[in-house]
């Protein structure tokens, strides 16, 4: 009931700014995203955990909170709806909602947000004022409080979203993601599931559950136990699960 009333309120806010058909498609799509994530969170956790310390133990509670968070980030009076972007996001979600050991990040995380911005786009053109990058057109970023084109290889950046897709912000410069065997950059590696081996100064693949370790950075779970082995690889639990103990 709460979720139904919430959607009704969203639609009434949207009516002044876009057609009812577009508003309905937008909100149906966002609620489908929220529902799928909430069902997964509650199936993988004893209790779900949300930003700002909120917990929930039913899908309905999760839907209500996550829908409100979604609406704050993508206001119905400032965002539109793109069916092709929604279809692409749904395909991405299908591929990434694999199991409880695979993390589908919250709406503030880069890969998820990159995809979602194309489905529910703002229309902040280059040069318009912004506070956050999602307030700009999906192909733009927010740099110095202005919507700006993303930088290519070698361009300036503050965070990776300032760079074109496939590039990473490394020491304020857009560069290619590193792979295993590359030299470390100031004792760090910028790539998926890598860490810097301080002995060889090379990027090495992170270790899995049960493998020997001496530091948290060596493990995909980011946790090396006191026994010297990597803890279970569950970034999902790190982001979403709450331990009542």
Protein backbone atom coordinates (compact mmCIF):
# COMPACT_ATOMS: atom_id res chain seq x y z
CA UNK A 1 0.00 0.00 0.00
CA UNK A 2 2.76 2.45 0.94
CA UNK A 3 4.60 1.79 -2.32
CA UNK A 4 1.38 2.25 -4.34
CA UNK A 5 0.68 5.58 -2.64
CA UNK A 6 4.28 6.65 -3.19
CA UNK A 7 4.09 5.93 -6.92
CA UNK A 8 0.82 7.83 -7.15
CA UNK A 9 2.46 10.86 -5.55
CA UNK A 10 5.39 10.63 -7.96
CA UNK A 11 3.07 10.53 -10.95
CA UNK A 12 1.18 13.60 -9.80
CA UNK A 13 4.47 15.51 -9.50
CA UNK A 14 5.52 14.39 -12.97
CA UNK A 15 2.29 15.36 -14.72
CA UNK A 16 3.21 19.03 -15.06
CA UNK A 17 6.50 18.30 -16.77
CA UNK A 18 6.00 15.38 -19.12
CA UNK A 19 3.23 13.34 -20.65
CA UNK A 20 1.41 10.87 -18.44
CA UNK A 21 2.60 8.07 -20.72
CA UNK A 22 6.27 9.02 -20.30
CA UNK A 23 5.84 9.50 -16.55
CA UNK A 24 4.19 6.10 -16.18
CA UNK A 25 6.93 4.37 -18.17
CA UNK A 26 9.62 6.14 -16.15
CA UNK A 27 8.13 5.23 -12.81
CA UNK A 28 7.23 1.67 -13.79
CA UNK A 29 10.84 1.17 -14.89
CA UNK A 30 12.35 2.64 -11.70
CA UNK A 31 10.03 0.63 -9.47
CA UNK A 32 10.95 -2.54 -11.36
CA UNK A 33 14.64 -1.77 -10.73
CA UNK A 34 13.98 -1.06 -7.04
CA UNK A 35 11.85 -4.17 -6.60
CA UNK A 36 14.39 -6.49 -8.22
CA UNK A 37 17.21 -5.13 -6.09
CA UNK A 38 15.13 -5.28 -2.90
CA UNK A 39 14.07 -8.87 -3.54
CA UNK A 40 17.71 -9.81 -4.03
CA UNK A 41 18.89 -7.92 -0.95
CA UNK A 42 16.30 -9.60 1.26
CA UNK A 43 16.94 -13.04 -0.23
CA UNK A 44 20.68 -12.69 0.47
CA UNK A 45 20.55 -11.05 3.91
CA UNK A 46 18.84 -11.69 7.22
CA UNK A 47 18.23 -7.95 7.26
CA UNK A 48 18.78 -5.38 4.54
CA UNK A 49 20.93 -2.30 5.06
CA UNK A 50 20.44 1.05 3.33
CA UNK A 51 22.34 4.33 3.30
CA UNK A 52 22.18 6.58 6.36
CA UNK A 53 21.83 3.64 8.76
CA UNK A 54 18.35 2.48 7.74
CA UNK A 55 17.60 -1.25 7.97
CA UNK A 56 14.63 -3.22 6.68
CA UNK A 57 13.52 -6.81 6.94
CA UNK A 58 10.75 -6.89 4.31
CA UNK A 59 10.72 -6.20 0.59
CA UNK A 60 8.01 -3.57 1.10
CA UNK A 61 10.17 -1.60 3.55
CA UNK A 62 13.09 -1.80 1.17
CA UNK A 63 10.95 -0.67 -1.78
CA UNK A 64 9.71 2.36 0.11
CA UNK A 65 13.14 3.55 1.17
CA UNK A 66 14.98 2.79 -2.06
CA UNK A 67 12.22 4.39 -4.17
CA UNK A 68 12.53 7.57 -2.13
CA UNK A 69 16.31 7.56 -2.54
CA UNK A 70 15.91 7.01 -6.28
CA UNK A 71 13.48 9.91 -6.51
CA UNK A 72 15.90 12.23 -4.69
CA UNK A 73 18.65 11.38 -7.14
CA UNK A 74 16.45 11.41 -10.24
CA UNK A 75 13.70 14.02 -9.55
CA UNK A 76 10.62 13.41 -11.73
CA UNK A 77 10.40 17.09 -12.66
CA UNK A 78 14.00 17.19 -13.95
CA UNK A 79 14.51 13.83 -15.63
CA UNK A 80 13.03 12.14 -18.66
CA UNK A 81 12.76 8.55 -19.85
CA UNK A 82 14.58 6.78 -22.66
CA UNK A 83 13.30 3.32 -23.60
CA UNK A 84 16.53 2.23 -25.32
CA UNK A 85 18.51 3.24 -22.23
CA UNK A 86 16.06 1.37 -20.00
CA UNK A 87 16.34 -1.77 -22.13
CA UNK A 88 20.16 -1.59 -22.01
CA UNK A 89 20.10 -1.14 -18.24
CA UNK A 90 17.72 -4.09 -17.80
CA UNK A 91 20.06 -6.29 -19.85
CA UNK A 92 23.00 -5.12 -17.71
CA UNK A 93 21.03 -5.85 -14.54
CA UNK A 94 20.10 -9.33 -15.79
CA UNK A 95 23.78 -10.09 -16.37
CA UNK A 96 24.90 -8.74 -12.99
CA UNK A 97 22.19 -10.01 -10.63
CA UNK A 98 23.98 -13.33 -10.54
CA UNK A 99 24.21 -14.44 -6.92
CA UNK A 100 24.90 -13.11 -3.44
CA UNK A 101 28.63 -13.13 -4.03
CA UNK A 102 28.39 -10.71 -6.94
CA UNK A 103 27.88 -7.06 -6.04
CA UNK A 104 25.42 -4.85 -7.89
CA UNK A 105 26.26 -1.53 -6.36
CA UNK A 106 23.86 1.09 -5.08
CA UNK A 107 22.73 3.96 -7.23
CA UNK A 108 25.69 6.11 -6.24
CA UNK A 109 28.28 3.71 -7.64
CA UNK A 110 29.90 4.33 -10.99
CA UNK A 111 29.01 1.37 -13.24
CA UNK A 112 25.40 1.16 -12.10
CA UNK A 113 24.91 4.91 -12.36
CA UNK A 114 26.53 5.16 -15.79
CA UNK A 115 23.91 2.77 -17.15
CA UNK A 116 20.95 4.19 -15.23
CA UNK A 117 21.65 7.76 -16.38
CA UNK A 118 20.86 6.76 -19.97
CA UNK A 119 17.47 5.37 -18.94
CA UNK A 120 16.39 8.34 -16.78
CA UNK A 121 18.44 11.24 -18.15
CA UNK A 122 18.78 14.78 -16.93
CA UNK A 123 19.14 17.28 -19.74
CA UNK A 124 21.96 19.45 -18.39
CA UNK A 125 23.80 20.63 -21.48
CA UNK A 126 27.49 21.48 -21.64
CA UNK A 127 28.11 24.69 -19.73
CA UNK A 128 25.03 24.54 -17.51
CA UNK A 129 25.47 24.63 -13.73
CA UNK A 130 25.56 21.40 -11.71
CA UNK A 131 26.43 20.06 -8.30
CA UNK A 132 26.58 16.34 -9.12
CA UNK A 133 27.53 14.64 -12.37
CA UNK A 134 24.19 12.85 -12.73
CA UNK A 135 22.57 16.29 -13.16
CA UNK A 136 24.18 16.51 -16.60
CA UNK A 137 23.37 14.80 -19.88
CA UNK A 138 24.52 11.13 -19.67
CA UNK A 139 27.50 11.79 -21.96
CA UNK A 140 28.70 14.67 -19.77
CA UNK A 141 30.20 15.05 -16.29
CA UNK A 142 30.12 17.83 -13.70
CA UNK A 143 33.50 19.56 -13.54
CA UNK A 144 34.03 22.80 -11.60
CA UNK A 145 30.23 22.99 -11.12
CA UNK A 146 29.57 23.03 -14.86
CA UNK A 147 28.38 20.23 -17.13
CA UNK A 148 31.36 19.35 -19.32
CA UNK A 149 32.39 16.75 -21.86
CA UNK A 150 34.22 13.74 -20.42
CA UNK A 151 37.98 13.69 -20.89
CA UNK A 152 39.70 11.28 -23.22
CA UNK A 153 42.99 9.45 -22.69
CA UNK A 154 45.44 11.83 -21.00
CA UNK A 155 42.76 14.38 -20.08
CA UNK A 156 42.24 15.95 -16.66
CA UNK A 157 39.87 14.45 -14.07
CA UNK A 158 38.89 14.46 -10.42
CA UNK A 159 37.06 11.09 -10.43
CA UNK A 160 36.67 8.31 -12.99
CA UNK A 161 33.24 9.50 -14.15
CA UNK A 162 35.09 12.56 -15.53
CA UNK A 163 36.73 10.19 -18.04
CA UNK A 164 35.25 8.50 -21.08
CA UNK A 165 33.92 4.98 -20.58
CA UNK A 166 36.75 2.47 -20.20
CA UNK A 167 39.18 4.97 -18.67
CA UNK A 168 40.14 5.44 -15.03
CA UNK A 169 41.13 8.63 -13.21
CA UNK A 170 44.73 8.05 -12.05
CA UNK A 171 46.42 10.96 -10.30
CA UNK A 172 44.12 13.49 -11.98
CA UNK A 173 44.73 12.06 -15.46
CA UNK A 174 42.44 9.75 -17.48
CA UNK A 175 44.24 6.50 -18.24
CA UNK A 176 43.58 2.93 -19.30
CA UNK A 177 42.59 0.39 -16.67
CA UNK A 178 45.57 -1.64 -15.56
CA UNK A 179 45.86 -5.41 -15.85
CA UNK A 180 47.89 -8.04 -13.99
CA UNK A 181 51.61 -7.63 -14.71
CA UNK A 182 51.53 -3.84 -15.12
CA UNK A 183 53.81 -1.69 -12.99
CA UNK A 184 52.23 -0.25 -9.84
CA UNK A 185 51.58 3.49 -9.79
CA UNK A 186 52.70 4.95 -6.47
CA UNK A 187 52.07 1.57 -4.80
CA UNK A 188 48.55 1.31 -6.21
CA UNK A 189 46.85 -0.47 -9.10
CA UNK A 190 43.92 0.96 -11.04
CA UNK A 191 41.96 -1.97 -12.40
CA UNK A 192 39.39 -4.58 -11.44
CA UNK A 193 40.40 -7.03 -8.67
CA UNK A 194 44.07 -6.05 -8.58
CA UNK A 195 46.48 -5.12 -5.81
CA UNK A 196 50.06 -3.86 -5.82
CA UNK A 197 52.61 -6.47 -4.80
CA UNK A 198 55.15 -4.36 -2.91
CA UNK A 199 57.96 -6.89 -3.45
CA UNK A 200 57.79 -6.92 -7.24
CA UNK A 201 56.04 -3.52 -7.64
CA UNK A 202 53.71 -5.21 -10.12
CA UNK A 203 49.91 -5.44 -10.25
CA UNK A 204 48.69 -8.89 -9.20
CA UNK A 205 45.23 -10.45 -9.23
CA UNK A 206 43.50 -10.38 -5.85
CA UNK A 207 43.10 -13.68 -4.03
CA UNK A 208 39.96 -15.70 -3.35
CA UNK A 209 38.42 -17.19 -0.22
CA UNK A 210 40.88 -19.44 1.65
CA UNK A 211 44.03 -18.31 -0.13
CA UNK A 212 47.00 -17.16 1.96
CA UNK A 213 47.34 -13.42 2.57
CA UNK A 214 49.08 -10.88 4.78
CA UNK A 215 47.09 -7.70 4.02
CA UNK A 216 43.42 -6.90 3.30
CA UNK A 217 44.26 -5.41 -0.11
CA UNK A 218 45.40 -8.82 -1.35
CA UNK A 219 41.85 -10.26 -1.09
CA UNK A 220 38.81 -9.70 -3.31
CA UNK A 221 36.78 -9.58 -0.11
CA UNK A 222 39.12 -6.86 1.21
CA UNK A 223 39.52 -8.92 4.38
CA UNK A 224 42.55 -10.96 5.38
CA UNK A 225 41.62 -12.93 8.51
CA UNK A 226 43.86 -13.21 11.61
CA UNK A 227 44.57 -16.77 10.44
CA UNK A 228 46.22 -15.38 7.30
CA UNK A 229 43.63 -16.41 4.71
CA UNK A 230 41.21 -14.37 2.62
CA UNK A 231 37.68 -14.19 3.94
CA UNK A 232 34.63 -15.06 1.84
CA UNK A 233 34.34 -13.05 -1.40
CA UNK A 234 31.10 -11.22 -0.75
CA UNK A 235 31.20 -7.55 -1.56
CA UNK A 236 27.40 -7.81 -1.69
CA UNK A 237 27.26 -8.48 2.03
CA UNK A 238 29.67 -5.62 2.69
CA UNK A 239 27.34 -3.15 0.93
CA UNK A 240 23.93 -4.49 1.79
CA UNK A 241 23.73 -6.86 4.75
CA UNK A 242 23.27 -5.87 8.37
CA UNK A 243 24.39 -8.08 11.22
CA UNK A 244 22.01 -7.56 14.17
CA UNK A 245 24.70 -8.95 16.50
